[in-house]
Amino acid sequence: MTAPLPETEVAPVVVDPAGDDGKRASRQTWRAFRRQPLGMVSLVILAALILIAAGAPLLAPYPASYGPDVLQPPSGAHWFGTDALGRDVYAEVIWGTQQSVLVALAASAIAIVFGTIIAVVGAYWRRIDAIVSVLVDLTLSLPVLPLMILVAALVGPSTSTLILVVAAFSWPEVTRLVRSQALAVVQLPFIDAARLMTRNSVWILGRHVLPAVTPVVVVSVVVTASRAVLSAAGLSFLGLGDPTTWSWGRILYEAQQSGAMVSAWWLTLFPSVAILALVLSATLLSIAYNDARNPRSHER
């Protein structure tokens, strides 16, 4: 449930993104991306999941506390079947999409903002970079899943706890990825020219360095979001999720608790397919986007 996803190498940035060359490169990247079927399909799947999450109240009523049809297989009345308490699994999956997407977006946003700031500041001021490097290596060496379980158990199950716990253990990956790109960017000629124009380091970071690492941040967003979904589903499956809201992990947890996980195959199939769809599409999207940024793909 929390197995690490494959690393994604990011193509280097060699132009100032604030100039015309950067805009031209963005257009070329989009044209190259549109020629990749897997990338476009992944983008459509992610967009569909976000729309389902936003339109959950229109797609299914909120799952009731119980129903008369217990452990019914998929049928015309219940498309995804019912659980041990007679609740409609289709409604659970739809509302679980809302919760899972919320946790993924919120946790990845916090991790991206925090990790990017640390990476860029460390790359620009090399004395700070030594501290950042040690902190990232130390954090990445810790056993993530046991620590997440410990923190979630001590603080108490809630949506905010899930978001903060997942974000707290996701930012080091973002920092490592963005830092490698930022270290190359701060040595480029247009950064040296910016230093000659002004001594305002904040302006240089905001005007030149941050836009230059933005493509790497885009990759980090989708990869971190997919990891957040896996982590949140794993914690919910262990009973450390928010018991007041539906999530894909909670559906699996309640199926395991009721003892129907083996006999009622539909209880595990549909939430597992939803988790797989989000994680796989996010991973393929990041790979396709990175391939599209490769200048060699623009020549094909």
Foldseek 3Di string as FASTA:
>chain_A
DQDADDDAAFDAFADFLLDPVVVVLVVLLVVLLVVDVLLVVLVVLVVVLVVLLVCLVVPDPAWDPADDQALAPADPVANLGAYRRHTRVVSLASQQSNLLLVLLQLLLVLLLVVLLVQLLVCLQPVVSVVVLVVVLVVLVPDDLLVVLLVQLVVVAADSVSLSVSLNVSLNSVNNVQLNVNLNVQCPHPVVVVVVVVDVPVVCSCVNTRCVSSVLSSVLSSLQSSLSSSVSQLVCLLVVSHHPVGRHLSVLNNVCVVVVNVVVSVSSNPVSVVVSCSSNVSSNSNSNSSSVSSPVVSSVD
